[in-house]
C-alpha atoms as a PDB file:
ATOM      1  CA  MET A   1      38.809  24.633  26.527  1.00  0.00           C
ATOM      2  CA  PRO A   2      39.241  27.875  24.540  1.00  0.00           C
ATOM      3  CA  GLU A   3      38.116  27.995  20.918  1.00  0.00           C
ATOM      4  CA  PRO A   4      41.007  27.660  18.444  1.00  0.00           C
ATOM      5  CA  GLN A   5      42.032  30.931  16.810  1.00  0.00           C
ATOM      6  CA  PHE A   6      41.677  30.317  13.086  1.00  0.00           C
ATOM      7  CA  VAL A   7      41.833  34.067  12.437  1.00  0.00           C
ATOM      8  CA  THR A   8      44.274  36.296  14.279  1.00  0.00           C
ATOM      9  CA  THR A   9      44.270  40.073  14.365  1.00  0.00           C
ATOM     10  CA  GLU A  10      47.357  42.214  14.855  1.00  0.00           C
ATOM     11  CA  ILE A  11      47.095  45.990  14.876  1.00  0.00           C
ATOM     12  CA  ILE A  12      50.187  47.909  13.822  1.00  0.00           C
ATOM     13  CA  GLY A  13      49.522  51.638  14.034  1.00  0.00           C
ATOM     14  CA  ARG A  14      46.459  52.209  11.869  1.00  0.00           C
ATOM     15  CA  VAL A  15      46.798  48.915   9.973  1.00  0.00           C
ATOM     16  CA  ALA A  16      45.013  45.727  11.016  1.00  0.00           C
ATOM     17  CA  VAL A  17      46.496  42.447   9.804  1.00  0.00           C
ATOM     18  CA  LEU A  18      44.034  39.557   9.662  1.00  0.00           C
ATOM     19  CA  THR A  19      45.772  36.212   9.293  1.00  0.00           C
ATOM     20  CA  ILE A  20      43.942  33.033   8.372  1.00  0.00           C
ATOM     21  CA  ASN A  21      45.673  30.667  10.779  1.00  0.00           C
ATOM     22  CA  ARG A  22      45.215  27.078   9.576  1.00  0.00           C
ATOM     23  CA  PRO A  23      48.583  26.397   7.941  1.00  0.00           C
ATOM     24  CA  GLU A  24      48.231  22.629   8.442  1.00  0.00           C
ATOM     25  CA  LYS A  25      45.143  22.835   6.159  1.00  0.00           C
ATOM     26  CA  ARG A  26      46.737  25.414   3.825  1.00  0.00           C
ATOM     27  CA  ASN A  27      44.448  27.978   5.468  1.00  0.00           C
ATOM     28  CA  ALA A  28      41.342  26.373   3.957  1.00  0.00           C
ATOM     29  CA  LEU A  29      38.087  28.083   4.854  1.00  0.00           C
ATOM     30  CA  ASP A  30      35.744  26.076   7.037  1.00  0.00           C
ATOM     31  CA  GLY A  31      32.683  27.223   8.985  1.00  0.00           C
ATOM     32  CA  PRO A  32      34.484  28.285  12.177  1.00  0.00           C
ATOM     33  CA  THR A  33      37.148  30.146  10.191  1.00  0.00           C
ATOM     34  CA  ARG A  34      34.539  32.018   8.157  1.00  0.00           C
ATOM     35  CA  CYS A  35      32.665  32.953  11.358  1.00  0.00           C
ATOM     36  CA  GLN A  36      35.827  34.201  13.076  1.00  0.00           C
ATOM     37  CA  PHE A  37      36.771  36.191   9.966  1.00  0.00           C
ATOM     38  CA  LEU A  38      33.358  37.886   9.850  1.00  0.00           C
ATOM     39  CA  GLY A  39      33.597  38.643  13.583  1.00  0.00           C
ATOM     40  CA  ALA A  40      37.046  40.194  13.166  1.00  0.00           C
ATOM     41  CA  LEU A  41      35.830  42.352  10.262  1.00  0.00           C
ATOM     42  CA  ASN A  42      32.889  43.574  12.341  1.00  0.00           C
ATOM     43  CA  GLU A  43      35.227  44.591  15.159  1.00  0.00           C
ATOM     44  CA  LEU A  44      37.536  46.400  12.734  1.00  0.00           C
ATOM     45  CA  ARG A  45      34.620  48.193  11.100  1.00  0.00           C
ATOM     46  CA  ALA A  46      33.854  49.801  14.456  1.00  0.00           C
ATOM     47  CA  ASP A  47      37.495  50.597  15.306  1.00  0.00           C
ATOM     48  CA  LYS A  48      37.968  54.247  14.336  1.00  0.00           C
ATOM     49  CA  GLU A  49      41.767  53.992  14.721  1.00  0.00           C
ATOM     50  CA  VAL A  50      42.136  51.306  12.049  1.00  0.00           C
ATOM     51  CA  ARG A  51      42.322  52.790   8.552  1.00  0.00           C
ATOM     52  CA  VAL A  52      43.226  49.741   6.438  1.00  0.00           C
ATOM     53  CA  VAL A  53      42.940  45.948   6.699  1.00  0.00           C
ATOM     54  CA  VAL A  54      45.508  43.503   5.345  1.00  0.00           C
ATOM     55  CA  VAL A  55      44.471  39.860   4.874  1.00  0.00           C
ATOM     56  CA  THR A  56      47.074  37.100   4.606  1.00  0.00           C
ATOM     57  CA  GLY A  57      47.582  33.426   5.351  1.00  0.00           C
ATOM     58  CA  ALA A  58      49.756  31.819   8.019  1.00  0.00           C
ATOM     59  CA  GLY A  59      52.852  30.009   6.800  1.00  0.00           C
ATOM     60  CA  ASP A  60      54.409  30.222   3.374  1.00  0.00           C
ATOM     61  CA  LYS A  61      52.444  27.560   1.453  1.00  0.00           C
ATOM     62  CA  ALA A  62      49.070  29.238   1.084  1.00  0.00           C
ATOM     63  CA  PHE A  63      47.194  32.494   1.305  1.00  0.00           C
ATOM     64  CA  ILE A  64      43.968  30.487   1.341  1.00  0.00           C
ATOM     65  CA  ALA A  65      43.702  27.160  -0.477  1.00  0.00           C
ATOM     66  CA  GLY A  66      39.938  27.547  -0.884  1.00  0.00           C
ATOM     67  CA  ALA A  67      37.077  25.874   0.898  1.00  0.00           C
ATOM     68  CA  ASP A  68      37.727  23.037   3.293  1.00  0.00           C
ATOM     69  CA  ILE A  69      36.182  20.415   1.010  1.00  0.00           C
ATOM     70  CA  SER A  70      35.984  17.906   3.851  1.00  0.00           C
ATOM     71  CA  GLU A  71      32.897  19.917   4.902  1.00  0.00           C
ATOM     72  CA  PHE A  72      31.173  18.941   1.635  1.00  0.00           C
ATOM     73  CA  GLU A  73      31.034  15.260   2.564  1.00  0.00           C
ATOM     74  CA  GLY A  74      27.517  14.092   3.267  1.00  0.00           C
ATOM     75  CA  ARG A  75      25.892  17.397   2.298  1.00  0.00           C
ATOM     76  CA  THR A  76      22.826  17.224   0.142  1.00  0.00           C
ATOM     77  CA  ALA A  77      22.111  19.849  -2.506  1.00  0.00           C
ATOM     78  CA  VAL A  78      19.629  21.442  -0.078  1.00  0.00           C
ATOM     79  CA  ASP A  79      22.247  21.514   2.700  1.00  0.00           C
ATOM     80  CA  GLN A  80      24.731  23.208   0.367  1.00  0.00           C
ATOM     81  CA  PHE A  81      22.078  25.717  -0.735  1.00  0.00           C
ATOM     82  CA  ARG A  82      21.513  26.678   2.919  1.00  0.00           C
ATOM     83  CA  VAL A  83      25.268  27.067   3.521  1.00  0.00           C
ATOM     84  CA  MET A  84      25.539  29.322   0.467  1.00  0.00           C
ATOM     85  CA  GLY A  85      22.761  31.518   1.901  1.00  0.00           C
ATOM     86  CA  ALA A  86      24.795  32.298   5.024  1.00  0.00           C
ATOM     87  CA  SER A  87      26.749  35.539   5.399  1.00  0.00           C
ATOM     88  CA  SER A  88      29.518  35.606   2.828  1.00  0.00           C
ATOM     89  CA  ILE A  89      33.049  36.627   3.735  1.00  0.00           C
ATOM     90  CA  PHE A  90      33.534  37.625   0.096  1.00  0.00           C
ATOM     91  CA  ASP A  91      30.629  40.070   0.137  1.00  0.00           C
ATOM     92  CA  ALA A  92      31.745  41.342   3.554  1.00  0.00           C
ATOM     93  CA  VAL A  93      35.224  42.133   2.197  1.00  0.00           C
ATOM     94  CA  ASP A  94      33.788  43.667  -0.972  1.00  0.00           C
ATOM     95  CA  ALA A  95      31.475  45.960   1.027  1.00  0.00           C
ATOM     96  CA  PHE A  96      33.968  46.770   3.806  1.00  0.00           C
ATOM     97  CA  PRO A  97      34.153  50.562   4.275  1.00  0.00           C
ATOM     98  CA  LYS A  98      37.939  50.633   4.678  1.00  0.00           C
ATOM     99  CA  PRO A  99      40.537  49.523   2.114  1.00  0.00           C
ATOM    100  CA  VAL A 100      41.302  45.794   2.186  1.00  0.00           C
ATOM    101  CA  LEU A 101      44.631  44.501   0.849  1.00  0.00           C
ATOM    102  CA  ALA A 102      45.193  40.822   0.104  1.00  0.00           C
ATOM    103  CA  LEU A 103      48.829  39.786   0.659  1.00  0.00           C
ATOM    104  CA  ILE A 104      48.959  36.567  -1.333  1.00  0.00           C
ATOM    105  CA  ASN A 105      51.655  34.190  -0.132  1.00  0.00           C
ATOM    106  CA  GLY A 106      51.490  30.808  -1.828  1.00  0.00           C
ATOM    107  CA  PHE A 107      48.262  29.250  -3.102  1.00  0.00           C
ATOM    108  CA  ALA A 108      45.141  31.385  -3.562  1.00  0.00           C
ATOM    109  CA  LEU A 109      42.694  28.833  -4.907  1.00  0.00           C
ATOM    110  CA  GLY A 110      38.925  28.800  -5.172  1.00  0.00           C
ATOM    111  CA  GLY A 111      37.622  30.739  -2.194  1.00  0.00           C
ATOM    112  CA  GLY A 112      41.117  32.104  -1.545  1.00  0.00           C
ATOM    113  CA  CYS A 113      41.260  33.556  -5.030  1.00  0.00           C
ATOM    114  CA  GLU A 114      37.723  34.869  -4.578  1.00  0.00           C
ATOM    115  CA  LEU A 115      38.671  36.576  -1.306  1.00  0.00           C
ATOM    116  CA  ALA A 116      41.596  38.218  -3.112  1.00  0.00           C
ATOM    117  CA  LEU A 117      39.236  39.284  -5.926  1.00  0.00           C
ATOM    118  CA  ALA A 118      36.891  40.874  -3.363  1.00  0.00           C
ATOM    119  CA  SER A 119      39.776  42.865  -1.859  1.00  0.00           C
ATOM    120  CA  ASP A 120      40.577  46.376  -3.044  1.00  0.00           C
ATOM    121  CA  ILE A 121      44.246  45.640  -3.751  1.00  0.00           C
ATOM    122  CA  ARG A 122      46.064  42.353  -4.342  1.00  0.00           C
ATOM    123  CA  LEU A 123      49.820  41.967  -3.782  1.00  0.00           C
ATOM    124  CA  ALA A 124      51.296  38.587  -4.653  1.00  0.00           C
ATOM    125  CA  ALA A 125      54.615  37.055  -3.623  1.00  0.00           C
ATOM    126  CA  ASP A 126      56.757  35.525  -6.366  1.00  0.00           C
ATOM    127  CA  THR A 127      55.667  32.123  -5.050  1.00  0.00           C
ATOM    128  CA  ALA A 128      51.936  32.839  -5.381  1.00  0.00           C
ATOM    129  CA  ARG A 129      49.734  30.579  -7.503  1.00  0.00           C
ATOM    130  CA  LEU A 130      46.180  31.673  -8.186  1.00  0.00           C
ATOM    131  CA  GLY A 131      43.234  29.919  -9.745  1.00  0.00           C
ATOM    132  CA  GLN A 132      39.630  28.793  -9.728  1.00  0.00           C
ATOM    133  CA  PRO A 133      40.038  24.987  -9.859  1.00  0.00           C
ATOM    134  CA  GLU A 134      36.439  24.212  -8.860  1.00  0.00           C
ATOM    135  CA  ILE A 135      35.751  22.853 -12.356  1.00  0.00           C
ATOM    136  CA  ASN A 136      37.974  19.900 -11.417  1.00  0.00           C
ATOM    137  CA  LEU A 137      35.416  19.022  -8.722  1.00  0.00           C
ATOM    138  CA  GLY A 138      32.487  19.431 -11.099  1.00  0.00           C
ATOM    139  CA  ILE A 139      31.333  22.694  -9.506  1.00  0.00           C
ATOM    140  CA  ILE A 140      31.670  26.405 -10.285  1.00  0.00           C
ATOM    141  CA  PRO A 141      33.043  29.172  -8.054  1.00  0.00           C
ATOM    142  CA  GLY A 142      30.496  30.050  -5.391  1.00  0.00           C
ATOM    143  CA  GLY A 143      32.044  33.143  -3.794  1.00  0.00           C
ATOM    144  CA  GLY A 144      31.640  35.659  -6.580  1.00  0.00           C
ATOM    145  CA  GLY A 145      34.495  34.525  -8.810  1.00  0.00           C
ATOM    146  CA  THR A 146      32.264  34.257 -11.859  1.00  0.00           C
ATOM    147  CA  GLN A 147      31.433  37.965 -11.517  1.00  0.00           C
ATOM    148  CA  ARG A 148      34.547  39.560 -10.019  1.00  0.00           C
ATOM    149  CA  LEU A 149      37.163  37.743 -12.104  1.00  0.00           C
ATOM    150  CA  PRO A 150      35.800  38.930 -15.502  1.00  0.00           C
ATOM    151  CA  ARG A 151      35.573  42.498 -14.176  1.00  0.00           C
ATOM    152  CA  LEU A 152      39.244  42.446 -13.183  1.00  0.00           C
ATOM    153  CA  VAL A 153      40.902  40.482 -16.004  1.00  0.00           C
ATOM    154  CA  GLY A 154      38.414  40.560 -18.880  1.00  0.00           C
ATOM    155  CA  LEU A 155      35.997  37.936 -20.086  1.00  0.00           C
ATOM    156  CA  GLY A 156      38.413  35.857 -22.203  1.00  0.00           C
ATOM    157  CA  ALA A 157      41.070  35.504 -19.481  1.00  0.00           C
ATOM    158  CA  ALA A 158      38.389  34.788 -16.886  1.00  0.00           C
ATOM    159  CA  TYR A 159      36.790  32.075 -19.023  1.00  0.00           C
ATOM    160  CA  LYS A 160      40.189  30.442 -19.519  1.00  0.00           C
ATOM    161  CA  LEU A 161      40.727  30.221 -15.750  1.00  0.00           C
ATOM    162  CA  LEU A 162      37.137  29.308 -14.875  1.00  0.00           C
ATOM    163  CA  PHE A 163      36.679  26.647 -17.567  1.00  0.00           C
ATOM    164  CA  SER A 164      40.148  25.069 -17.398  1.00  0.00           C
ATOM    165  CA  GLY A 165      40.922  25.087 -13.678  1.00  0.00           C
ATOM    166  CA  GLU A 166      44.412  26.247 -14.679  1.00  0.00           C
ATOM    167  CA  LEU A 167      46.598  27.938 -12.080  1.00  0.00           C
ATOM    168  CA  ILE A 168      48.594  31.057 -12.862  1.00  0.00           C
ATOM    169  CA  ASP A 169      51.658  32.461 -11.132  1.00  0.00           C
ATOM    170  CA  ALA A 170      52.051  35.943  -9.704  1.00  0.00           C
ATOM    171  CA  THR A 171      53.695  37.260 -12.866  1.00  0.00           C
END
């Protein structure tokens, strides 16, 4: 049986569109999705015809609703530490040699917000809602949000989002 395609790639001229394709899970990032995303980025890095990468989420409810927290069940602190040491999609986007645009449609929460923060340009639909709600789970952002968010919006605004778990709209 073929592996499900959690990340699809469409090339339109010199633009590659990467779509996180788990709308039934609000495009939450799990291990297979992160691996497919990294694989797609590696292919696009080598493609000399592609000049820009656009990242979006399938459906209209979410760009990326964050980590698939069902993966956290049963993990020990050591297990989670090992997971966090794996290749990061956030660092891969941040270091990507071509411009990366995040087209934010719907929720961009936790890891979804962090992926948008790692992108070069963020464009949000009127329906977009962004935030770092990890505090509500008793954890802090693990994908660079504590560093990238203050750089983009200032320390005070970043603290408000990081410490409150509040969501903001596109405006």
